N, C-alpha and C. Protein backbone atom coordinates (compact mmCIF):
# COMPACT_ATOMS: atom_id res chain seq x y z
N MET A 1 0.84 -1.17 -0.01
CA MET A 1 0.02 0.01 0.01
C MET A 1 0.84 1.30 -0.01
N TRP A 2 1.83 1.36 0.92
CA TRP A 2 2.65 2.56 1.05
C TRP A 2 3.60 2.76 -0.16
N LYS A 3 4.19 1.69 -0.67
CA LYS A 3 5.04 1.77 -1.80
C LYS A 3 4.32 2.29 -3.01
N ASN A 4 3.11 1.77 -3.23
CA ASN A 4 2.18 2.26 -4.31
C ASN A 4 1.82 3.69 -4.10
N TYR A 5 1.43 4.04 -2.92
CA TYR A 5 1.02 5.40 -2.61
C TYR A 5 2.14 6.35 -2.87
N LEU A 6 3.33 6.10 -2.37
CA LEU A 6 4.50 6.95 -2.55
C LEU A 6 4.94 7.04 -4.05
N SER A 7 4.89 5.92 -4.72
CA SER A 7 5.28 5.91 -6.13
C SER A 7 4.39 6.75 -7.00
N ASN A 8 3.10 6.83 -6.63
CA ASN A 8 2.16 7.60 -7.38
C ASN A 8 2.29 9.09 -7.13
N ILE A 9 3.02 9.49 -6.08
CA ILE A 9 3.19 10.89 -5.73
C ILE A 9 4.62 11.35 -6.07
N ILE A 10 5.58 10.54 -5.77
CA ILE A 10 6.99 10.88 -5.96
C ILE A 10 7.62 10.06 -7.08
N GLU A 11 8.20 10.70 -8.03
CA GLU A 11 8.73 9.97 -9.21
C GLU A 11 9.87 9.04 -8.93
N GLU A 12 10.82 9.48 -8.18
CA GLU A 12 12.05 8.69 -8.01
C GLU A 12 12.22 8.13 -6.61
N CYS A 13 11.36 7.25 -6.20
CA CYS A 13 11.41 6.62 -4.86
C CYS A 13 12.39 5.47 -4.92
N GLN A 14 13.26 5.39 -3.94
CA GLN A 14 14.15 4.25 -3.77
C GLN A 14 13.79 3.64 -2.44
N PHE A 15 13.18 2.47 -2.52
CA PHE A 15 12.63 1.84 -1.29
C PHE A 15 13.71 0.89 -0.74
N LYS A 16 13.84 0.89 0.56
CA LYS A 16 14.73 0.03 1.28
C LYS A 16 14.03 -1.26 1.64
N ALA A 17 14.75 -2.23 2.13
CA ALA A 17 14.18 -3.48 2.61
C ALA A 17 13.22 -3.15 3.79
N PRO A 18 12.18 -3.93 3.98
CA PRO A 18 11.30 -3.64 5.19
C PRO A 18 12.06 -3.64 6.45
N ALA A 19 11.60 -2.87 7.42
CA ALA A 19 12.23 -2.90 8.73
C ALA A 19 11.88 -4.22 9.41
N THR A 20 12.82 -4.71 10.16
CA THR A 20 12.59 -5.96 10.89
C THR A 20 11.89 -5.63 12.24
N GLU A 21 11.35 -6.63 12.82
CA GLU A 21 10.69 -6.42 14.09
C GLU A 21 11.72 -5.92 15.14
N ILE A 22 12.95 -6.42 15.04
CA ILE A 22 14.01 -5.98 15.95
C ILE A 22 14.29 -4.47 15.74
N GLU A 23 14.34 -3.99 14.50
CA GLU A 23 14.57 -2.61 14.23
C GLU A 23 13.41 -1.71 14.76
N LEU A 24 12.16 -2.18 14.63
CA LEU A 24 11.03 -1.42 15.11
C LEU A 24 11.03 -1.40 16.65
N LEU A 25 11.36 -2.49 17.25
CA LEU A 25 11.44 -2.56 18.70
C LEU A 25 12.60 -1.67 19.22
N SER A 26 13.66 -1.63 18.49
CA SER A 26 14.80 -0.80 18.87
C SER A 26 14.43 0.67 18.89
N VAL A 27 13.68 1.10 17.86
CA VAL A 27 13.22 2.51 17.85
C VAL A 27 12.39 2.81 19.10
N GLN A 28 11.45 1.92 19.38
CA GLN A 28 10.55 2.15 20.51
C GLN A 28 11.35 2.18 21.81
N LYS A 29 12.33 1.28 21.95
CA LYS A 29 13.11 1.23 23.16
C LYS A 29 14.05 2.45 23.29
N GLU A 30 14.77 2.75 22.18
CA GLU A 30 15.76 3.84 22.24
C GLU A 30 15.05 5.20 22.45
N LEU A 31 13.88 5.36 21.86
CA LEU A 31 13.23 6.65 21.99
C LEU A 31 12.13 6.63 23.10
N ASN A 32 11.95 5.46 23.68
CA ASN A 32 10.94 5.32 24.76
C ASN A 32 9.59 5.84 24.31
N ILE A 33 9.18 5.27 23.16
CA ILE A 33 7.95 5.75 22.52
C ILE A 33 7.22 4.57 21.79
N GLU A 34 5.94 4.70 21.71
CA GLU A 34 5.16 3.73 20.94
C GLU A 34 5.01 4.37 19.54
N LEU A 35 5.43 3.69 18.50
CA LEU A 35 5.32 4.22 17.13
C LEU A 35 3.87 4.24 16.69
N PRO A 36 3.45 5.25 15.91
CA PRO A 36 2.11 5.22 15.39
C PRO A 36 1.84 4.12 14.42
N LYS A 37 0.66 3.64 14.33
CA LYS A 37 0.27 2.52 13.47
C LYS A 37 0.67 2.77 12.03
N LYS A 38 0.42 3.98 11.51
CA LYS A 38 0.68 4.21 10.11
C LYS A 38 2.20 4.16 9.79
N LEU A 39 3.01 4.66 10.76
CA LEU A 39 4.44 4.61 10.56
C LEU A 39 4.97 3.18 10.60
N ILE A 40 4.40 2.38 11.47
CA ILE A 40 4.75 0.97 11.54
C ILE A 40 4.40 0.26 10.21
N GLU A 41 3.18 0.57 9.71
CA GLU A 41 2.80 -0.04 8.43
C GLU A 41 3.77 0.35 7.28
N LEU A 42 4.17 1.63 7.29
CA LEU A 42 5.13 2.10 6.29
C LEU A 42 6.45 1.32 6.45
N PHE A 43 7.03 1.29 7.69
CA PHE A 43 8.29 0.61 7.91
C PHE A 43 8.18 -0.92 7.66
N ASN A 44 6.98 -1.49 7.76
CA ASN A 44 6.87 -2.88 7.43
C ASN A 44 6.97 -3.14 5.93
N GLU A 45 6.82 -2.09 5.11
CA GLU A 45 6.99 -2.16 3.70
C GLU A 45 8.39 -1.70 3.23
N THR A 46 8.91 -0.72 3.93
CA THR A 46 10.23 -0.16 3.55
C THR A 46 10.85 0.60 4.75
N ASN A 47 12.06 0.32 5.00
CA ASN A 47 12.75 0.97 6.14
C ASN A 47 13.39 2.27 5.65
N GLY A 48 12.54 3.20 5.27
CA GLY A 48 12.99 4.45 4.71
C GLY A 48 12.77 4.55 3.22
N VAL A 49 12.66 5.80 2.75
CA VAL A 49 12.40 6.03 1.31
C VAL A 49 13.36 7.15 0.94
N ASP A 50 14.28 6.85 0.01
CA ASP A 50 15.23 7.80 -0.49
C ASP A 50 14.84 8.28 -1.85
N GLY A 51 15.39 9.45 -2.18
CA GLY A 51 15.25 10.00 -3.51
C GLY A 51 16.62 10.17 -4.07
N LYS A 52 16.68 10.90 -5.17
CA LYS A 52 18.01 11.11 -5.83
C LYS A 52 18.93 11.94 -5.00
N TYR A 53 18.39 12.97 -4.30
CA TYR A 53 19.23 13.85 -3.53
C TYR A 53 19.05 13.85 -2.02
N TYR A 54 17.92 13.32 -1.56
CA TYR A 54 17.65 13.30 -0.10
C TYR A 54 16.61 12.23 0.26
N SER A 55 16.40 12.05 1.55
CA SER A 55 15.43 11.07 2.03
C SER A 55 14.01 11.65 2.03
N TYR A 56 13.07 10.82 1.66
CA TYR A 56 11.64 11.24 1.76
C TYR A 56 11.07 10.80 3.09
N ILE A 57 11.51 9.69 3.58
CA ILE A 57 11.15 9.16 4.92
C ILE A 57 12.42 8.58 5.49
N TRP A 58 12.82 8.96 6.69
CA TRP A 58 14.01 8.42 7.32
C TRP A 58 13.85 6.92 7.59
N SER A 59 14.98 6.24 7.65
CA SER A 59 15.06 4.87 8.13
C SER A 59 14.82 4.88 9.63
N THR A 60 14.59 3.68 10.19
CA THR A 60 14.45 3.61 11.61
C THR A 60 15.73 4.04 12.36
N GLU A 61 16.88 3.70 11.81
CA GLU A 61 18.13 4.10 12.42
C GLU A 61 18.31 5.59 12.39
N GLN A 62 18.00 6.23 11.26
CA GLN A 62 18.17 7.66 11.17
C GLN A 62 17.11 8.35 12.03
N MET A 63 15.95 7.76 12.14
CA MET A 63 14.90 8.38 13.00
C MET A 63 15.36 8.44 14.46
N VAL A 64 15.96 7.39 14.92
CA VAL A 64 16.52 7.36 16.27
C VAL A 64 17.56 8.43 16.44
N ARG A 65 18.52 8.38 15.55
CA ARG A 65 19.66 9.32 15.65
C ARG A 65 19.22 10.78 15.60
N GLU A 66 18.34 11.15 14.68
CA GLU A 66 17.92 12.47 14.52
C GLU A 66 17.02 12.95 15.68
N ASN A 67 16.17 12.10 16.20
CA ASN A 67 15.32 12.50 17.27
C ASN A 67 16.11 12.71 18.56
N LEU A 68 17.05 11.82 18.81
CA LEU A 68 17.90 11.99 20.04
C LEU A 68 18.72 13.21 19.95
N SER A 69 19.17 13.56 18.79
CA SER A 69 20.00 14.73 18.57
C SER A 69 19.15 16.02 18.79
N VAL A 70 17.97 16.04 18.22
CA VAL A 70 17.12 17.24 18.32
C VAL A 70 16.55 17.37 19.70
N TRP A 71 16.18 16.27 20.35
CA TRP A 71 15.64 16.34 21.67
C TRP A 71 16.66 16.83 22.67
N ASP A 72 17.94 16.77 22.35
CA ASP A 72 19.00 17.16 23.20
C ASP A 72 19.29 18.70 23.12
N ILE A 73 18.60 19.38 22.20
CA ILE A 73 18.81 20.81 22.03
C ILE A 73 18.45 21.51 23.35
N GLU A 74 19.31 22.44 23.76
CA GLU A 74 19.00 23.19 24.98
C GLU A 74 17.89 24.21 24.76
N GLU A 75 17.10 24.45 25.78
CA GLU A 75 16.04 25.41 25.68
C GLU A 75 16.61 26.79 25.85
N PHE A 76 16.03 27.70 25.07
CA PHE A 76 16.40 29.11 25.16
C PHE A 76 15.15 29.87 25.55
N GLU A 77 15.35 31.10 25.98
CA GLU A 77 14.15 31.93 26.30
C GLU A 77 13.30 32.08 25.08
N ASN A 78 12.01 31.87 25.19
CA ASN A 78 11.00 31.93 24.11
C ASN A 78 11.29 30.91 23.00
N TYR A 79 11.94 29.81 23.31
CA TYR A 79 12.29 28.81 22.27
C TYR A 79 11.90 27.42 22.85
N LYS A 80 10.89 26.88 22.34
CA LYS A 80 10.39 25.58 22.88
C LYS A 80 11.25 24.40 22.43
N LYS A 81 11.71 23.62 23.40
CA LYS A 81 12.46 22.45 23.12
C LYS A 81 11.56 21.49 22.39
N PRO A 82 12.02 20.80 21.32
CA PRO A 82 11.09 20.01 20.50
C PRO A 82 11.01 18.52 20.95
N ASP A 83 11.09 18.29 22.24
CA ASP A 83 11.06 16.91 22.75
C ASP A 83 9.61 16.40 22.90
N ASN A 84 8.63 17.14 22.43
CA ASN A 84 7.24 16.69 22.44
C ASN A 84 6.81 16.22 21.07
N LEU A 85 7.72 16.13 20.13
CA LEU A 85 7.46 15.65 18.76
C LEU A 85 8.34 14.50 18.40
N LEU A 86 7.76 13.51 17.67
CA LEU A 86 8.51 12.38 17.14
C LEU A 86 8.71 12.65 15.70
N PHE A 87 9.94 12.94 15.29
CA PHE A 87 10.19 13.36 13.90
C PHE A 87 10.49 12.16 13.06
N PHE A 88 10.05 12.23 11.74
CA PHE A 88 10.34 11.14 10.81
C PHE A 88 10.94 11.62 9.48
N ILE A 89 11.05 12.94 9.35
CA ILE A 89 11.71 13.51 8.14
C ILE A 89 11.98 15.01 8.32
N ASP A 90 12.91 15.49 7.59
CA ASP A 90 13.19 16.91 7.66
C ASP A 90 12.73 17.61 6.38
N ALA A 91 12.65 18.92 6.44
CA ALA A 91 12.13 19.75 5.31
C ALA A 91 13.29 20.14 4.39
N GLY A 92 14.51 19.86 4.76
CA GLY A 92 15.64 20.23 3.93
C GLY A 92 16.18 21.63 4.28
N ASN A 93 15.54 22.33 5.19
CA ASN A 93 15.96 23.68 5.55
C ASN A 93 16.23 23.78 7.08
N GLY A 94 16.17 22.68 7.76
CA GLY A 94 16.35 22.60 9.23
C GLY A 94 15.08 22.34 9.98
N ASP A 95 13.93 22.63 9.33
CA ASP A 95 12.64 22.34 9.99
C ASP A 95 12.41 20.84 9.88
N LEU A 96 11.57 20.34 10.85
CA LEU A 96 11.35 18.89 10.89
C LEU A 96 9.81 18.62 10.98
N PHE A 97 9.45 17.42 10.53
CA PHE A 97 8.05 17.00 10.54
C PHE A 97 7.91 15.87 11.47
N GLY A 98 6.81 15.81 12.26
CA GLY A 98 6.62 14.71 13.18
C GLY A 98 5.24 14.69 13.83
N TYR A 99 5.10 13.74 14.69
CA TYR A 99 3.84 13.53 15.48
C TYR A 99 3.98 14.10 16.85
N LEU A 100 2.87 14.60 17.42
CA LEU A 100 2.84 15.06 18.79
C LEU A 100 2.91 13.88 19.73
N ILE A 101 3.77 13.92 20.75
CA ILE A 101 3.84 12.85 21.69
C ILE A 101 3.70 13.39 23.12
N LEU A 102 3.17 12.57 23.96
CA LEU A 102 3.06 12.87 25.43
C LEU A 102 3.20 11.53 26.16
N ASN A 103 4.10 11.56 27.14
CA ASN A 103 4.35 10.35 27.89
C ASN A 103 4.59 9.12 27.04
N GLY A 104 5.34 9.28 25.94
CA GLY A 104 5.71 8.16 25.12
C GLY A 104 4.66 7.63 24.16
N LYS A 105 3.60 8.42 24.01
CA LYS A 105 2.51 7.97 23.12
C LYS A 105 2.21 9.09 22.12
N VAL A 106 2.01 8.69 20.86
CA VAL A 106 1.55 9.63 19.85
C VAL A 106 0.10 9.98 20.19
N GLN A 107 -0.17 11.31 20.20
CA GLN A 107 -1.49 11.76 20.66
C GLN A 107 -2.59 11.74 19.61
N ASN A 108 -2.24 11.86 18.33
CA ASN A 108 -3.22 11.84 17.26
C ASN A 108 -2.53 11.61 15.96
N ALA A 109 -3.27 11.64 14.85
CA ALA A 109 -2.66 11.35 13.51
C ALA A 109 -2.12 12.60 12.90
N ASP A 110 -2.29 13.74 13.51
CA ASP A 110 -1.83 15.04 12.91
C ASP A 110 -0.29 15.06 12.72
N ILE A 111 0.15 15.70 11.65
CA ILE A 111 1.60 15.85 11.40
C ILE A 111 1.90 17.38 11.68
N TYR A 112 2.95 17.56 12.46
CA TYR A 112 3.35 18.89 12.85
C TYR A 112 4.66 19.27 12.15
N VAL A 113 4.90 20.55 11.92
CA VAL A 113 6.15 21.04 11.50
C VAL A 113 6.78 21.80 12.68
N TRP A 114 8.01 21.60 12.95
CA TRP A 114 8.80 22.30 13.94
C TRP A 114 9.76 23.24 13.24
N ASN A 115 9.64 24.55 13.54
CA ASN A 115 10.50 25.54 12.96
C ASN A 115 11.81 25.66 13.78
N HIS A 116 12.89 25.35 13.10
CA HIS A 116 14.18 25.33 13.77
C HIS A 116 14.72 26.68 14.17
N GLU A 117 14.14 27.74 13.57
CA GLU A 117 14.63 29.10 13.86
C GLU A 117 13.97 29.69 15.11
N ASP A 118 12.68 29.37 15.33
CA ASP A 118 12.06 30.02 16.48
C ASP A 118 11.41 28.98 17.44
N GLY A 119 11.51 27.70 17.09
CA GLY A 119 10.97 26.64 17.94
C GLY A 119 9.48 26.50 17.87
N SER A 120 8.78 27.23 16.95
CA SER A 120 7.35 27.14 16.92
C SER A 120 6.92 25.78 16.31
N GLN A 121 5.71 25.34 16.62
CA GLN A 121 5.18 24.10 16.13
C GLN A 121 3.77 24.39 15.64
N ARG A 122 3.38 23.75 14.51
CA ARG A 122 2.00 23.89 14.03
C ARG A 122 1.63 22.67 13.21
N ILE A 123 0.34 22.39 13.24
CA ILE A 123 -0.17 21.22 12.45
C ILE A 123 -0.19 21.65 10.96
N ILE A 124 0.33 20.70 10.10
CA ILE A 124 0.27 20.99 8.67
C ILE A 124 -0.49 19.92 7.89
N ALA A 125 -0.83 18.81 8.55
CA ALA A 125 -1.60 17.79 7.88
C ALA A 125 -2.35 16.97 8.94
N SER A 126 -3.47 16.37 8.56
CA SER A 126 -4.24 15.59 9.52
C SER A 126 -3.90 14.11 9.52
N SER A 127 -2.98 13.68 8.62
CA SER A 127 -2.57 12.31 8.58
C SER A 127 -1.26 12.16 7.84
N LEU A 128 -0.64 10.99 7.92
CA LEU A 128 0.61 10.72 7.23
C LEU A 128 0.30 10.74 5.71
N GLU A 129 -0.77 10.18 5.28
CA GLU A 129 -1.15 10.20 3.85
C GLU A 129 -1.32 11.63 3.35
N GLU A 130 -2.04 12.45 4.11
CA GLU A 130 -2.25 13.83 3.68
C GLU A 130 -0.91 14.60 3.65
N PHE A 131 -0.06 14.31 4.59
CA PHE A 131 1.26 14.96 4.65
C PHE A 131 2.04 14.60 3.37
N ILE A 132 2.14 13.34 3.10
CA ILE A 132 2.96 12.89 1.97
C ILE A 132 2.41 13.47 0.65
N LYS A 133 1.12 13.40 0.47
CA LYS A 133 0.50 13.96 -0.73
C LYS A 133 0.73 15.46 -0.79
N GLY A 134 0.55 16.14 0.27
CA GLY A 134 0.67 17.65 0.31
C GLY A 134 2.14 18.09 0.12
N TRP A 135 3.00 17.49 0.94
CA TRP A 135 4.41 17.97 0.95
C TRP A 135 5.12 17.63 -0.36
N TYR A 136 5.00 16.33 -0.77
CA TYR A 136 5.68 15.92 -1.96
C TYR A 136 4.97 16.19 -3.27
N GLY A 137 3.64 16.50 -3.08
CA GLY A 137 2.84 16.82 -4.26
C GLY A 137 2.70 18.35 -4.46
N GLY A 138 3.27 19.12 -3.52
CA GLY A 138 3.26 20.58 -3.68
C GLY A 138 2.12 21.32 -3.02
N GLY A 139 1.22 20.64 -2.34
CA GLY A 139 0.09 21.33 -1.73
C GLY A 139 0.36 21.93 -0.37
N ILE A 140 1.47 21.54 0.26
CA ILE A 140 1.89 22.06 1.60
C ILE A 140 3.19 22.77 1.43
N SER A 141 3.28 23.94 2.00
CA SER A 141 4.54 24.63 2.02
C SER A 141 4.77 25.20 3.45
N ILE A 142 5.99 25.49 3.74
CA ILE A 142 6.29 26.04 5.06
C ILE A 142 7.09 27.33 4.91
């Protein structure tokens, strides 16, 4: 389902082998989080989606690395630390896309963008499907 969906929106998808159960459990353990169902479904088909110049969806390994790195950012005055979002891809300009989390659980299907310059967060899509279609199809901009 996900490979078909992505291929219909993005011309040059390079799919990786599906994530293993061990890789998915590792993400959940390392990040102390329950992955959302849609992301698990996607990872069960492909452990990341690459394009010619950048990733469209991070691999489980990159997801762990990037989230731990970003969550470690120090808070500044009027700058919200982004440790309440589970990121799965970047915008290419330093901004990141992810799910809202609380106490290790994704709160809803909404996709948020985190602005790396001012720390602001806002909803940009109501689901992973809507995000992929809008971001890679040109209907969403930041």
